[in-house]
Amino acid sequence: MTHFTFLCLGDFPLAALSMAIDPLRVANEISRSDGLGWTVVSEDGQQIMSSSRLSINPDKALSEVEETDVVLVFAGASARLKDRKASGGALRRLLSRGARIGSVSGSLFALAEEKFFDGYSCSAHFCYTAALKEQFDRVNLCDTLYTIDRNRMSFAGTSAVFEFMLGVISDEVSDAVAVETACWFQYATLRDADTLQVLPGYSKNQTRNALPRPVRRAIELFANNIENKISIEQVSKRVGMSIRQLERHFKKETGISPGGYYRRLRLDAARQKLLYTDQPLQEIALSVGYDSASSFSSNYRREFGLPPTQERKDRSRGARHAALSFGHRPSQGPGHLDQHVVN
C-alpha cells in the first residue's frame, strides 16, 4: 500500500496536515490494519511551527527518508526550503527512486522556486494565483481542486487533500471503508479532481458559483480582465443587460455595484503580488489596471485599511492573513468608492 511522507515547512497549515493523516488513521481503524502508513518530517528533524502557532515534533529529518511513495509538502506561502541544496537534493533523490511529490496550498511557492513544477500542470489556491502567475511562468496553473500530472501532485486546499485520501482508501482498501471514513467526518459530498474550486461571491450568503448566471458571467469577465480593464458597458452588453439592469442585479446579490466588485477583484490580485512577490509597487499598480500609483495607493488603503507601502513593510504579518482579504475588510464609511465608475 501507499506510504506517505509529509514534509512540514514553516507556517504549515495544521488543518491540511490533519486532514491528510486522519483519513488514513480512521481507515486503518475501520479495516483493523495498519496498511496505510505515513511519516511526518521536517527539513532538519526539529520541531516545526504551524500557521496556527501550534508546533509538532516530526518523526525524523527529510534526509533520513530512504524510500516513500508520495511526498506531500505543507507550508505557508512565504516559507521556503531552509537548506535548498540539501533538502532540494533529498526531494530529487526520492523522485529518482520512484516517489511522487506534491504541494498543498501555499507550499507551491517553495516547490515552484526549486523548479519542481516547471512544465507541469498544478492546482493553486485562488488566494495565491495572481502572485504565482507573476513569479512562475513555466508552471501551468489550474483552478481545480487538485491535479495529478505524471509524478507531480498539487492540492488547492484542505478539503482537496481529504478527498484525495478518500480516493486512496477506496483504491487500496475498499469503497465501503472509504465511505465509512467519510461518514466518520460527516463528510457527505465527494468531488472529482477536476471540480472547480469554490470561490467567494462577496455575497452575504452565497459563493460565486451560486450567484445568478448573468452576475456570475459578469464576474468571469471581470476576473479575466484584471490588467486590461473592461468597461461596465462592455460587460453589460456581453451578458445581455443594460447597465442599469446589471447594476440592480449586482446590488441585489452582492450589495455592491459592478464597478465596486471589479475593483475588489483587482485589488485582491494586487494584494497577493504585494505579499508574495518582490514586484515594485508601480508595476503591481499597472498589472491590475491602475495607471497612477497614487490612485492605486488611495484605493488600496480604502479597501484594506492601510497603504500598500505599509502592507509590504509588515509583510510577515500580512502574508499570514492574506487569505482573509475576501471576507475580512475594514468597515467602509460613506466615502467608500462603490459606484459603477471603475477606479
Protein backbone atom coordinates (compact mmCIF):
# COMPACT_ATOMS: atom_id res chain seq x y z
CA MET A 1 0.00 0.00 0.00
CA THR A 2 0.99 3.63 -0.43
CA HIS A 3 3.30 5.11 2.17
CA PHE A 4 3.14 8.90 2.56
CA THR A 5 5.84 11.26 3.76
CA PHE A 6 4.51 14.60 4.96
CA LEU A 7 7.18 17.30 4.85
CA CYS A 8 6.31 20.32 7.01
CA LEU A 9 7.97 23.68 6.39
CA GLY A 10 7.43 26.93 8.29
CA ASP A 11 3.86 28.13 8.87
CA PHE A 12 2.45 24.87 7.51
CA PRO A 13 -1.38 24.58 7.61
CA LEU A 14 -2.23 22.36 10.56
CA ALA A 15 -5.76 21.57 9.32
CA ALA A 16 -4.47 20.33 5.97
CA LEU A 17 -1.89 18.07 7.65
CA SER A 18 -4.56 16.68 9.95
CA MET A 19 -6.92 16.02 7.05
CA ALA A 20 -4.17 14.12 5.28
CA ILE A 21 -3.35 11.95 8.29
CA ASP A 22 -6.72 11.38 9.94
CA PRO A 23 -8.49 9.66 7.00
CA LEU A 24 -5.61 7.18 6.82
CA ARG A 25 -5.75 6.62 10.58
CA VAL A 26 -9.53 6.10 10.55
CA ALA A 27 -9.40 3.77 7.54
CA ASN A 28 -6.80 1.64 9.34
CA GLU A 29 -9.02 1.54 12.40
CA ILE A 30 -12.09 0.55 10.42
CA SER A 31 -10.25 -2.12 8.46
CA ARG A 32 -8.32 -3.30 11.52
CA SER A 33 -4.99 -2.98 9.79
CA ASP A 34 -2.03 -0.67 9.58
CA GLY A 35 -1.61 -0.91 5.82
CA LEU A 36 -1.89 2.82 5.15
CA GLY A 37 1.27 4.40 6.53
CA TRP A 38 2.73 7.85 6.93
CA THR A 39 5.78 9.62 8.29
CA VAL A 40 5.94 13.28 9.29
CA VAL A 41 9.27 15.01 8.67
CA SER A 42 10.85 18.45 8.75
CA GLU A 43 13.99 19.52 6.95
CA ASP A 44 16.22 19.00 9.98
CA GLY A 45 14.08 16.73 12.15
CA GLN A 46 13.47 19.54 14.64
CA GLN A 47 10.17 20.86 15.96
CA ILE A 48 8.29 22.96 13.41
CA MET A 49 5.56 25.58 13.98
CA SER A 50 2.29 25.72 12.07
CA SER A 51 0.41 28.81 10.91
CA SER A 52 -1.90 28.24 13.89
CA ARG A 53 1.16 28.77 16.15
CA LEU A 54 1.00 25.16 17.32
CA SER A 55 4.16 23.11 16.92
CA ILE A 56 4.69 19.46 16.08
CA ASN A 57 7.58 17.09 16.68
CA PRO A 58 8.35 15.27 13.41
CA ASP A 59 9.33 11.63 13.22
CA LYS A 60 12.65 12.34 11.50
CA ALA A 61 14.56 14.62 9.14
CA LEU A 62 13.90 14.66 5.41
CA SER A 63 17.44 13.39 4.72
CA GLU A 64 16.67 10.23 6.71
CA VAL A 65 13.85 9.17 4.37
CA GLU A 66 15.25 6.42 2.15
CA GLU A 67 12.11 5.39 0.28
CA THR A 68 8.49 6.54 0.10
CA ASP A 69 5.65 6.50 -2.39
CA VAL A 70 4.44 10.09 -2.04
CA VAL A 71 5.95 13.23 -0.52
CA LEU A 72 3.39 15.91 0.26
CA VAL A 73 4.80 19.28 1.27
CA PHE A 74 2.89 21.52 3.69
CA ALA A 75 4.00 25.14 4.11
CA GLY A 76 2.90 28.73 4.36
CA ALA A 77 3.09 30.76 1.17
CA SER A 78 6.11 32.70 2.42
CA ALA A 79 8.05 29.64 3.56
CA ARG A 80 10.99 28.34 1.53
CA LEU A 81 13.41 25.46 1.94
CA LYS A 82 15.91 26.50 4.61
CA ASP A 83 18.67 24.37 3.10
CA ARG A 84 17.95 24.48 -0.61
CA LYS A 85 20.88 22.31 -1.62
CA ALA A 86 20.37 19.53 0.93
CA SER A 87 16.56 19.49 1.02
CA GLY A 88 16.15 20.02 -2.70
CA GLY A 89 18.64 17.23 -3.28
CA ALA A 90 16.78 14.90 -0.92
CA LEU A 91 13.50 15.53 -2.75
CA ARG A 92 15.13 14.90 -6.14
CA ARG A 93 16.69 11.71 -4.83
CA LEU A 94 13.26 10.45 -3.74
CA LEU A 95 11.83 11.37 -7.15
CA SER A 96 14.58 9.38 -8.84
CA ARG A 97 13.60 6.38 -6.72
CA GLY A 98 10.02 6.49 -7.95
CA ALA A 99 8.29 8.75 -5.43
CA ARG A 100 5.72 11.34 -6.41
CA ILE A 101 5.94 14.84 -4.96
CA GLY A 102 3.03 17.14 -4.19
CA SER A 103 2.26 20.64 -3.00
CA VAL A 104 -0.53 21.56 -0.62
CA SER A 105 -1.82 25.13 -0.93
CA GLY A 106 0.99 27.60 -0.05
CA SER A 107 3.85 25.11 -0.40
CA LEU A 108 3.56 25.50 -4.18
CA PHE A 109 5.68 28.66 -3.84
CA ALA A 110 8.57 26.77 -2.25
CA LEU A 111 8.44 23.89 -4.72
CA ALA A 112 8.00 26.12 -7.77
CA GLU A 113 11.01 28.18 -6.70
CA GLU A 114 13.04 24.96 -6.80
CA LYS A 115 11.61 24.30 -10.30
CA PHE A 116 9.83 21.09 -9.30
CA PHE A 117 6.74 22.19 -11.23
CA ASP A 118 8.32 23.65 -14.36
CA GLY A 119 6.39 22.24 -17.31
CA TYR A 120 3.71 20.67 -15.10
CA SER A 121 0.05 21.49 -14.53
CA CYS A 122 -0.88 22.16 -10.94
CA SER A 123 -3.82 23.36 -8.86
CA ALA A 124 -3.31 26.61 -6.98
CA HIS A 125 -5.46 28.09 -4.25
CA PHE A 126 -7.34 31.13 -5.53
CA CYS A 127 -5.71 33.30 -2.88
CA TYR A 128 -2.31 32.73 -4.49
CA THR A 129 -2.90 32.52 -8.25
CA ALA A 130 -2.08 36.15 -9.10
CA ALA A 131 1.25 36.02 -7.25
CA LEU A 132 2.15 32.59 -8.64
CA LYS A 133 1.45 33.68 -12.22
CA GLU A 134 3.69 36.69 -11.71
CA GLN A 135 6.64 34.65 -10.47
CA PHE A 136 6.47 31.26 -12.18
CA ASP A 137 5.57 31.48 -15.84
CA ARG A 138 6.71 27.90 -16.55
CA VAL A 139 4.05 26.48 -14.22
CA ASN A 140 0.64 25.76 -15.75
CA LEU A 141 -1.82 26.85 -13.05
CA CYS A 142 -5.28 25.28 -12.78
CA ASP A 143 -8.30 26.35 -10.74
CA THR A 144 -9.38 22.80 -9.92
CA LEU A 145 -9.38 21.11 -6.51
CA TYR A 146 -6.30 19.05 -7.22
CA THR A 147 -4.18 17.95 -10.15
CA ILE A 148 -2.07 14.87 -10.79
CA ASP A 149 0.35 15.36 -13.66
CA ARG A 150 2.72 12.42 -14.08
CA ASN A 151 4.74 12.26 -10.84
CA ARG A 152 3.63 15.68 -9.59
CA MET A 153 0.58 16.32 -7.44
CA SER A 154 -0.92 19.60 -6.25
CA PHE A 155 -3.78 20.39 -3.91
CA ALA A 156 -5.60 23.70 -3.67
CA GLY A 157 -6.50 23.32 -0.01
CA THR A 158 -7.53 21.20 2.96
CA SER A 159 -10.66 19.58 1.53
CA ALA A 160 -8.80 18.67 -1.67
CA VAL A 161 -6.26 16.67 0.35
CA PHE A 162 -9.04 14.96 2.30
CA GLU A 163 -10.92 13.93 -0.83
CA PHE A 164 -7.75 12.63 -2.45
CA MET A 165 -7.10 10.48 0.62
CA LEU A 166 -10.62 9.07 0.40
CA GLY A 167 -9.79 8.06 -3.17
CA VAL A 168 -6.62 6.35 -1.99
CA ILE A 169 -8.62 4.45 0.65
CA SER A 170 -11.19 3.43 -1.97
CA ASP A 171 -8.48 2.15 -4.33
CA GLU A 172 -6.28 0.40 -1.78
CA VAL A 173 -8.71 -0.79 0.91
CA SER A 174 -12.31 -0.74 -0.35
CA ASP A 175 -15.11 1.56 -1.42
CA ALA A 176 -17.01 0.63 1.72
CA VAL A 177 -14.18 1.69 4.01
CA ALA A 178 -13.79 4.96 2.10
CA VAL A 179 -17.50 5.73 2.52
CA GLU A 180 -17.42 4.86 6.22
CA THR A 181 -14.31 7.03 6.68
CA ALA A 182 -16.14 9.94 5.06
CA CYS A 183 -19.08 9.33 7.41
CA TRP A 184 -16.79 9.44 10.44
CA PHE A 185 -16.04 13.02 9.47
CA GLN A 186 -19.68 13.69 8.49
CA TYR A 187 -18.43 14.47 5.00
CA ALA A 188 -21.28 13.99 2.56
CA THR A 189 -20.05 15.15 -0.86
CA LEU A 190 -17.20 13.58 -2.79
CA ARG A 191 -15.89 15.60 -5.74
CA ASP A 192 -13.63 14.75 -8.65
CA ALA A 193 -10.14 16.20 -9.00
CA ASP A 194 -11.23 18.42 -11.89
CA THR A 195 -14.02 20.05 -9.88
CA LEU A 196 -13.52 23.81 -9.86
CA GLN A 197 -12.69 25.49 -6.58
CA VAL A 198 -15.48 27.20 -4.69
CA LEU A 199 -14.87 30.94 -4.78
CA PRO A 200 -16.25 33.70 -2.53
CA GLY A 201 -19.04 35.73 -4.08
CA TYR A 202 -18.80 38.87 -1.93
CA SER A 203 -22.40 38.00 -1.15
CA LYS A 204 -23.79 37.73 2.35
CA ASN A 205 -24.58 34.05 1.96
CA GLN A 206 -23.58 32.78 -1.50
CA THR A 207 -20.41 31.52 -3.10
CA ARG A 208 -19.67 32.73 -6.62
CA ASN A 209 -20.95 29.57 -8.32
CA ALA A 210 -24.34 30.02 -6.60
CA LEU A 211 -24.91 33.55 -7.91
CA PRO A 212 -27.40 34.06 -10.77
CA ARG A 213 -25.93 33.33 -14.20
CA PRO A 214 -25.75 36.95 -15.51
CA VAL A 215 -23.92 38.09 -12.36
CA ARG A 216 -21.64 35.05 -12.46
CA ARG A 217 -20.84 35.67 -16.12
CA ALA A 218 -20.06 39.33 -15.44
CA ILE A 219 -17.69 38.31 -12.64
CA GLU A 220 -15.90 35.92 -15.01
CA LEU A 221 -15.39 38.79 -17.45
CA PHE A 222 -14.04 41.00 -14.66
CA ALA A 223 -11.70 38.22 -13.42
CA ASN A 224 -10.33 37.64 -16.91
CA ASN A 225 -9.57 41.33 -17.42
CA ILE A 226 -7.57 42.33 -14.35
CA GLU A 227 -4.72 44.09 -16.15
CA ASN A 228 -6.52 45.34 -19.25
CA LYS A 229 -9.66 46.93 -17.90
CA ILE A 230 -13.02 46.17 -19.41
CA SER A 231 -15.79 48.75 -19.14
CA ILE A 232 -19.08 48.13 -17.36
CA GLU A 233 -20.82 48.95 -20.64
CA GLN A 234 -18.89 46.19 -22.43
CA VAL A 235 -19.70 43.71 -19.68
CA SER A 236 -23.40 44.60 -19.67
CA LYS A 237 -23.58 44.00 -23.44
CA ARG A 238 -21.79 40.65 -23.11
CA VAL A 239 -24.29 39.42 -20.51
CA GLY A 240 -27.29 40.79 -22.40
CA MET A 241 -28.34 43.51 -19.96
CA SER A 242 -28.45 47.25 -19.78
CA ILE A 243 -26.04 48.92 -17.37
CA ARG A 244 -28.98 49.76 -15.10
CA GLN A 245 -30.21 46.15 -15.08
CA LEU A 246 -26.72 44.84 -14.31
CA GLU A 247 -26.38 47.40 -11.54
CA ARG A 248 -29.65 46.25 -9.95
CA HIS A 249 -28.68 42.58 -10.15
CA PHE A 250 -25.28 43.20 -8.56
CA LYS A 251 -26.72 45.35 -5.78
CA LYS A 252 -29.33 42.70 -5.00
CA GLU A 253 -26.93 39.74 -5.00
CA THR A 254 -23.71 41.23 -3.63
CA GLY A 255 -24.66 44.53 -2.03
CA ILE A 256 -22.19 46.48 -4.19
CA SER A 257 -22.05 47.82 -7.73
CA PRO A 258 -20.39 46.04 -10.67
CA GLY A 259 -17.61 48.64 -10.60
CA GLY A 260 -17.08 48.13 -6.88
CA TYR A 261 -16.91 44.37 -7.34
CA TYR A 262 -14.45 44.70 -10.22
CA ARG A 263 -12.22 46.96 -8.16
CA ARG A 264 -12.17 44.43 -5.33
CA LEU A 265 -11.02 41.66 -7.64
CA ARG A 266 -8.23 43.85 -8.97
CA LEU A 267 -7.12 44.95 -5.52
CA ASP A 268 -7.15 41.39 -4.22
CA ALA A 269 -4.85 40.40 -7.09
CA ALA A 270 -2.62 43.36 -6.19
CA ARG A 271 -2.50 42.27 -2.57
CA GLN A 272 -1.35 38.78 -3.48
CA LYS A 273 1.52 40.24 -5.51
CA LEU A 274 2.35 42.71 -2.76
CA LEU A 275 2.61 39.99 -0.12
CA TYR A 276 4.12 37.11 -2.07
CA THR A 277 6.39 38.74 -4.67
CA ASP A 278 9.07 41.46 -4.72
CA GLN A 279 7.48 43.18 -7.71
CA PRO A 280 7.79 47.01 -7.43
CA LEU A 281 4.62 48.83 -6.39
CA GLN A 282 4.42 50.77 -9.66
CA GLU A 283 4.48 47.51 -11.64
CA ILE A 284 1.84 45.99 -9.38
CA ALA A 285 -0.39 49.02 -9.93
CA LEU A 286 -0.04 48.71 -13.71
CA SER A 287 -0.64 44.95 -13.60
CA VAL A 288 -4.09 45.45 -12.06
CA GLY A 289 -5.16 48.29 -14.30
CA TYR A 290 -4.02 51.42 -12.45
CA ASP A 291 -2.07 53.99 -14.49
CA SER A 292 -1.41 56.09 -11.41
CA ALA A 293 0.44 54.84 -8.33
CA SER A 294 -1.32 57.44 -6.19
CA SER A 295 -4.76 56.28 -7.35
CA PHE A 296 -3.77 52.68 -6.67
CA SER A 297 -2.49 53.57 -3.20
CA SER A 298 -5.60 55.51 -2.20
CA ASN A 299 -7.94 52.74 -3.41
CA TYR A 300 -5.81 50.08 -1.71
CA ARG A 301 -5.92 51.94 1.58
CA ARG A 302 -9.65 52.43 1.31
CA GLU A 303 -10.14 48.73 0.67
CA PHE A 304 -7.73 47.20 3.20
CA GLY A 305 -7.29 49.91 5.81
CA LEU A 306 -3.57 50.61 5.24
CA PRO A 307 -1.43 51.80 2.32
CA PRO A 308 0.40 49.24 0.17
CA THR A 309 3.80 50.51 1.33
CA GLN A 310 2.92 49.72 4.94
CA GLU A 311 1.44 46.34 3.97
CA ARG A 312 4.69 45.34 2.34
CA LYS A 313 6.78 46.56 5.27
CA ASP A 314 4.63 44.46 7.54
CA ARG A 315 4.72 41.51 5.17
CA SER A 316 5.38 38.90 7.85
CA ARG A 317 2.03 39.73 9.39
CA GLY A 318 0.18 40.35 6.16
CA ALA A 319 1.27 37.12 4.48
CA ARG A 320 -0.31 35.01 7.20
CA HIS A 321 -3.62 36.78 6.78
CA ALA A 322 -3.80 37.32 3.03
CA ALA A 323 -6.40 34.62 2.63
CA LEU A 324 -8.80 36.72 4.70
CA SER A 325 -8.89 39.52 2.16
CA PHE A 326 -12.07 38.29 0.54
CA GLY A 327 -14.17 38.27 3.65
CA HIS A 328 -12.45 40.45 6.22
CA ARG A 329 -12.20 44.07 5.18
CA PRO A 330 -12.23 47.22 7.30
CA SER A 331 -15.63 48.78 7.74
CA GLN A 332 -16.32 51.20 4.95
CA GLY A 333 -17.64 54.66 5.66
CA PRO A 334 -19.81 56.76 3.37
CA GLY A 335 -16.75 57.85 1.43
CA HIS A 336 -16.02 54.32 0.22
CA LEU A 337 -15.98 54.04 -3.57
CA ASP A 338 -18.96 51.95 -4.59
CA GLN A 339 -20.29 53.29 -7.85
CA HIS A 340 -20.21 51.85 -11.36
CA VAL A 341 -17.25 54.02 -12.28
CA VAL A 342 -14.23 51.69 -12.31
CA ASN A 343 -11.27 53.09 -10.38
